[in-house]
Structures are given as C-alpha cells and as structure tokens.
Amino acid sequence: MTRTARCHCGALRATVTGEPEWVNICHCSACQRRTGAPVHCGAYFATGVVTVAGTSKVYTRSADSGYKISFHFCPECGSNVYWQANRFPHHYGIGVGAFADPTFPRPLFSVWEQSMHDWLKLSPGIERFSQGRIGKPLGTRHTARTDTK
C-alpha cells in the first residue's frame, strides 16, 4: 500500500509505503491552534518508509511532555504535512487529513482529553488519556493510564 499526504497546494508531499505503526488523536491546545480544528489526528511511520518531496519551512517547539517537535509546513500555502519529534527520532508523524483518504486506519488512542471539546464523541474501543500516553511502547494495546507528568 502506498499513500501520499500533501499540502493544500500540492508542493509539499510525504509518500509512505505500508500501514502506519500507530494513529492517534490529540486534543491539546497546541494541536488545536496548529490545525485550526478541535482535534488533531496523526499517523506515525518509520522514517525508512517515508519519502518527502518539496521544500518545507520548519517550526520547532517544546511539547508539554518536554520533548521537542519540528513541524514541516509548506512555504507556499502554510499547510503542516509532517513533523519529527525527538521523543520518536526514527519516525515521522503525518497529518491523517493530509492523506484525504476516508479508508485510512482509525486511531488507537486519544491524548490530552483534559482539553477535549465536550461535544466531541469518540468511537468505542479507543484508549483514552487525560494527558499524554505512558506505559508500553506505542503501537501496542494496554490498559489506559493517565500521565501525571
């Protein structure tokens, strides 16, 4: 399976081979501001299965977890297509919406629900966390716990 995520104008693209290692949704205020939406949905792929094409402008910030995240934006249209977090140095995060694929795999877990809009309803079976996800490695199923930071 090959999919291509792209920015609004098509100048910045990330092509992936295979399925994501994990997909999550995030309700933190930083993701809300970055996306302009009440929730962000991201897919994570090993860097070896991602090919990036086009020029990007990079914005780096510290996450609530204390890790740095570098967001890659199209300099023409401003769309954020992918990011790299030093917490997961061997992965790219790619915005699920940038794939524009309604058959894309669903999220496994939801983080920073303390900032979740009260009218938003999630599908049953999604692991839910008040803050960040801790415990076993990502991509594995386990009992939800709350990150006490």
C-alpha atoms as a PDB file:
ATOM      1  CA  MET A   1       0.000   0.000   0.000  1.00  0.00           C
ATOM      2  CA  THR A   2       1.374   3.398  -0.997  1.00  0.00           C
ATOM      3  CA  ARG A   3      -0.267   6.651   0.081  1.00  0.00           C
ATOM      4  CA  THR A   4       0.699  10.282  -0.436  1.00  0.00           C
ATOM      5  CA  ALA A   5      -0.039  13.075   2.015  1.00  0.00           C
ATOM      6  CA  ARG A   6       0.170  16.551   0.582  1.00  0.00           C
ATOM      7  CA  CYS A   7      -0.308  20.167   1.490  1.00  0.00           C
ATOM      8  CA  HIS A   8      -3.212  22.244   0.200  1.00  0.00           C
ATOM      9  CA  CYS A   9      -1.332  23.407  -2.931  1.00  0.00           C
ATOM     10  CA  GLY A  10       0.486  20.087  -3.526  1.00  0.00           C
ATOM     11  CA  ALA A  11       4.037  21.471  -3.309  1.00  0.00           C
ATOM     12  CA  LEU A  12       4.972  19.526  -0.131  1.00  0.00           C
ATOM     13  CA  ARG A  13       4.344  15.790  -0.095  1.00  0.00           C
ATOM     14  CA  ALA A  14       5.104  12.749   2.045  1.00  0.00           C
ATOM     15  CA  THR A  15       4.694   9.368   0.369  1.00  0.00           C
ATOM     16  CA  VAL A  16       4.510   6.307   2.614  1.00  0.00           C
ATOM     17  CA  THR A  17       4.704   2.592   1.955  1.00  0.00           C
ATOM     18  CA  GLY A  18       2.719   0.284   4.203  1.00  0.00           C
ATOM     19  CA  GLU A  19       0.436   0.933   7.126  1.00  0.00           C
ATOM     20  CA  PRO A  20       1.239   3.336   9.986  1.00  0.00           C
ATOM     21  CA  GLU A  21       2.772   1.921  13.157  1.00  0.00           C
ATOM     22  CA  TRP A  22       0.157   3.845  15.133  1.00  0.00           C
ATOM     23  CA  VAL A  23      -2.513   6.502  14.678  1.00  0.00           C
ATOM     24  CA  ASN A  24      -3.668   8.779  17.470  1.00  0.00           C
ATOM     25  CA  ILE A  25      -5.766  11.832  18.105  1.00  0.00           C
ATOM     26  CA  CYS A  26      -4.706  14.750  20.293  1.00  0.00           C
ATOM     27  CA  HIS A  27      -6.832  17.407  21.948  1.00  0.00           C
ATOM     28  CA  CYS A  28      -4.035  19.595  23.379  1.00  0.00           C
ATOM     29  CA  SER A  29      -4.357  23.334  22.893  1.00  0.00           C
ATOM     30  CA  ALA A  30      -1.153  23.455  20.797  1.00  0.00           C
ATOM     31  CA  CYS A  31      -2.564  20.938  18.290  1.00  0.00           C
ATOM     32  CA  GLN A  32      -5.875  22.793  18.234  1.00  0.00           C
ATOM     33  CA  ARG A  33      -4.088  26.044  17.385  1.00  0.00           C
ATOM     34  CA  ARG A  34      -1.756  24.410  14.842  1.00  0.00           C
ATOM     35  CA  THR A  35      -4.547  22.684  12.934  1.00  0.00           C
ATOM     36  CA  GLY A  36      -7.353  25.176  13.467  1.00  0.00           C
ATOM     37  CA  ALA A  37      -9.532  22.187  14.415  1.00  0.00           C
ATOM     38  CA  PRO A  38     -10.810  20.934  17.784  1.00  0.00           C
ATOM     39  CA  VAL A  39      -8.776  17.730  17.413  1.00  0.00           C
ATOM     40  CA  HIS A  40      -5.628  16.616  15.575  1.00  0.00           C
ATOM     41  CA  CYS A  41      -5.186  13.136  14.068  1.00  0.00           C
ATOM     42  CA  GLY A  42      -1.677  11.909  13.294  1.00  0.00           C
ATOM     43  CA  ALA A  43      -0.203   8.738  11.798  1.00  0.00           C
ATOM     44  CA  TYR A  44       3.313   7.594  12.622  1.00  0.00           C
ATOM     45  CA  PHE A  45       5.607   5.812  10.183  1.00  0.00           C
ATOM     46  CA  ALA A  46       9.208   4.634  10.440  1.00  0.00           C
ATOM     47  CA  THR A  47      11.434   7.112   8.608  1.00  0.00           C
ATOM     48  CA  GLY A  48      12.606   4.372   6.219  1.00  0.00           C
ATOM     49  CA  VAL A  49       9.150   4.030   4.625  1.00  0.00           C
ATOM     50  CA  VAL A  50       8.586   7.785   4.098  1.00  0.00           C
ATOM     51  CA  THR A  51       9.761   9.825   1.126  1.00  0.00           C
ATOM     52  CA  VAL A  52       9.398  13.592   1.432  1.00  0.00           C
ATOM     53  CA  ALA A  53       9.286  15.829  -1.646  1.00  0.00           C
ATOM     54  CA  GLY A  54       9.161  19.596  -1.793  1.00  0.00           C
ATOM     55  CA  THR A  55      10.521  22.419   0.310  1.00  0.00           C
ATOM     56  CA  SER A  56       9.306  22.993   3.837  1.00  0.00           C
ATOM     57  CA  LYS A  57       9.550  25.710   6.423  1.00  0.00           C
ATOM     58  CA  VAL A  58      10.179  24.332   9.924  1.00  0.00           C
ATOM     59  CA  TYR A  59       8.774  25.479  13.250  1.00  0.00           C
ATOM     60  CA  THR A  60      10.172  23.793  16.386  1.00  0.00           C
ATOM     61  CA  ARG A  61       8.577  23.957  19.819  1.00  0.00           C
ATOM     62  CA  SER A  62       8.659  22.115  23.131  1.00  0.00           C
ATOM     63  CA  ALA A  63       5.721  19.803  23.775  1.00  0.00           C
ATOM     64  CA  ASP A  64       4.005  19.565  27.165  1.00  0.00           C
ATOM     65  CA  SER A  65       5.976  16.329  27.594  1.00  0.00           C
ATOM     66  CA  GLY A  66       9.229  18.343  27.430  1.00  0.00           C
ATOM     67  CA  TYR A  67      10.296  16.851  24.080  1.00  0.00           C
ATOM     68  CA  LYS A  68      10.968  18.999  21.002  1.00  0.00           C
ATOM     69  CA  ILE A  69       8.774  18.708  17.908  1.00  0.00           C
ATOM     70  CA  SER A  70       9.695  20.147  14.497  1.00  0.00           C
ATOM     71  CA  PHE A  71       6.695  20.823  12.243  1.00  0.00           C
ATOM     72  CA  HIS A  72       7.229  20.995   8.476  1.00  0.00           C
ATOM     73  CA  PHE A  73       4.961  23.483   6.694  1.00  0.00           C
ATOM     74  CA  CYS A  74       4.583  24.285   3.024  1.00  0.00           C
ATOM     75  CA  PRO A  75       6.086  27.757   2.468  1.00  0.00           C
ATOM     76  CA  GLU A  76       3.506  28.449  -0.264  1.00  0.00           C
ATOM     77  CA  CYS A  77       0.163  27.522   1.335  1.00  0.00           C
ATOM     78  CA  GLY A  78       1.138  27.092   5.003  1.00  0.00           C
ATOM     79  CA  SER A  79      -0.216  23.544   5.419  1.00  0.00           C
ATOM     80  CA  ASN A  80       1.520  21.371   8.015  1.00  0.00           C
ATOM     81  CA  VAL A  81       2.089  17.970   6.395  1.00  0.00           C
ATOM     82  CA  TYR A  82       4.536  16.185   8.696  1.00  0.00           C
ATOM     83  CA  TRP A  83       6.619  16.534  11.848  1.00  0.00           C
ATOM     84  CA  GLN A  84       9.518  14.964  13.685  1.00  0.00           C
ATOM     85  CA  ALA A  85       9.654  14.607  17.473  1.00  0.00           C
ATOM     86  CA  ASN A  86      12.889  13.903  19.317  1.00  0.00           C
ATOM     87  CA  ARG A  87      10.815  11.549  21.514  1.00  0.00           C
ATOM     88  CA  PHE A  88      10.437   9.287  18.431  1.00  0.00           C
ATOM     89  CA  PRO A  89      13.584  10.025  16.394  1.00  0.00           C
ATOM     90  CA  HIS A  90      13.059   7.138  13.958  1.00  0.00           C
ATOM     91  CA  HIS A  91       9.513   8.166  12.963  1.00  0.00           C
ATOM     92  CA  TYR A  92       7.702  10.819  11.011  1.00  0.00           C
ATOM     93  CA  GLY A  93       4.284  11.957  12.147  1.00  0.00           C
ATOM     94  CA  ILE A  94       1.974  12.799   9.257  1.00  0.00           C
ATOM     95  CA  GLY A  95      -1.392  14.512   9.491  1.00  0.00           C
ATOM     96  CA  VAL A  96      -4.091  11.976   8.600  1.00  0.00           C
ATOM     97  CA  GLY A  97      -6.126  14.724   6.911  1.00  0.00           C
ATOM     98  CA  ALA A  98      -3.225  15.378   4.515  1.00  0.00           C
ATOM     99  CA  PHE A  99      -3.858  11.918   3.027  1.00  0.00           C
ATOM    100  CA  ALA A 100      -7.529  12.830   2.297  1.00  0.00           C
ATOM    101  CA  ASP A 101      -8.330   9.109   2.455  1.00  0.00           C
ATOM    102  CA  PRO A 102     -11.568   8.087   4.206  1.00  0.00           C
ATOM    103  CA  THR A 103     -10.330   4.464   4.367  1.00  0.00           C
ATOM    104  CA  PHE A 104      -7.272   5.412   6.448  1.00  0.00           C
ATOM    105  CA  PRO A 105      -6.781   3.280   9.622  1.00  0.00           C
ATOM    106  CA  ARG A 106      -8.602   4.606  12.682  1.00  0.00           C
ATOM    107  CA  PRO A 107      -6.819   5.986  15.758  1.00  0.00           C
ATOM    108  CA  LEU A 108      -5.811   3.578  18.530  1.00  0.00           C
ATOM    109  CA  PHE A 109      -5.733   6.172  21.303  1.00  0.00           C
ATOM    110  CA  SER A 110      -6.696   9.710  22.287  1.00  0.00           C
ATOM    111  CA  VAL A 111      -4.430  12.001  24.331  1.00  0.00           C
ATOM    112  CA  TRP A 112      -4.792  15.301  26.214  1.00  0.00           C
ATOM    113  CA  GLU A 113      -8.505  14.766  26.740  1.00  0.00           C
ATOM    114  CA  GLN A 114      -8.389  17.330  29.539  1.00  0.00           C
ATOM    115  CA  SER A 115      -8.601  19.861  26.648  1.00  0.00           C
ATOM    116  CA  MET A 116     -11.197  17.888  24.654  1.00  0.00           C
ATOM    117  CA  HIS A 117     -14.304  19.758  23.497  1.00  0.00           C
ATOM    118  CA  ASP A 118     -17.248  18.404  25.468  1.00  0.00           C
ATOM    119  CA  TRP A 119     -19.411  17.931  22.356  1.00  0.00           C
ATOM    120  CA  LEU A 120     -16.862  15.653  20.653  1.00  0.00           C
ATOM    121  CA  LYS A 121     -17.707  11.932  20.860  1.00  0.00           C
ATOM    122  CA  LEU A 122     -15.182   9.151  20.210  1.00  0.00           C
ATOM    123  CA  SER A 123     -15.680   5.656  18.861  1.00  0.00           C
ATOM    124  CA  PRO A 124     -15.765   2.836  21.419  1.00  0.00           C
ATOM    125  CA  GLY A 125     -12.501   0.932  21.877  1.00  0.00           C
ATOM    126  CA  ILE A 126     -10.138   3.902  21.652  1.00  0.00           C
ATOM    127  CA  GLU A 127      -7.729   4.094  24.594  1.00  0.00           C
ATOM    128  CA  ARG A 128      -8.224   7.427  26.346  1.00  0.00           C
ATOM    129  CA  PHE A 129      -5.781   9.536  28.343  1.00  0.00           C
ATOM    130  CA  SER A 130      -6.348  12.745  30.273  1.00  0.00           C
ATOM    131  CA  GLN A 131      -2.842  13.876  29.338  1.00  0.00           C
ATOM    132  CA  GLY A 132      -0.077  12.060  27.449  1.00  0.00           C
ATOM    133  CA  ARG A 133       0.124   8.309  26.915  1.00  0.00           C
ATOM    134  CA  ILE A 134       2.568   6.364  29.067  1.00  0.00           C
ATOM    135  CA  GLY A 135       3.305   2.694  29.585  1.00  0.00           C
ATOM    136  CA  LYS A 136       4.121   0.093  26.951  1.00  0.00           C
ATOM    137  CA  PRO A 137       5.637   1.134  23.598  1.00  0.00           C
ATOM    138  CA  LEU A 138       3.344   2.860  21.140  1.00  0.00           C
ATOM    139  CA  GLY A 139       1.537   0.602  18.743  1.00  0.00           C
ATOM    140  CA  THR A 140       0.763  -1.958  21.442  1.00  0.00           C
ATOM    141  CA  ARG A 141      -2.536  -2.330  23.263  1.00  0.00           C
ATOM    142  CA  HIS A 142      -2.617  -1.998  27.039  1.00  0.00           C
ATOM    143  CA  THR A 143      -4.721  -0.627  29.875  1.00  0.00           C
ATOM    144  CA  ALA A 144      -5.044   3.155  29.774  1.00  0.00           C
ATOM    145  CA  ARG A 145      -3.362   5.224  32.463  1.00  0.00           C
ATOM    146  CA  THR A 146      -3.137   8.959  32.948  1.00  0.00           C
ATOM    147  CA  ASP A 147       0.221  10.660  32.526  1.00  0.00           C
ATOM    148  CA  THR A 148       0.981  12.525  35.734  1.00  0.00           C
ATOM    149  CA  LYS A 149       3.898  14.390  34.147  1.00  0.00           C
END
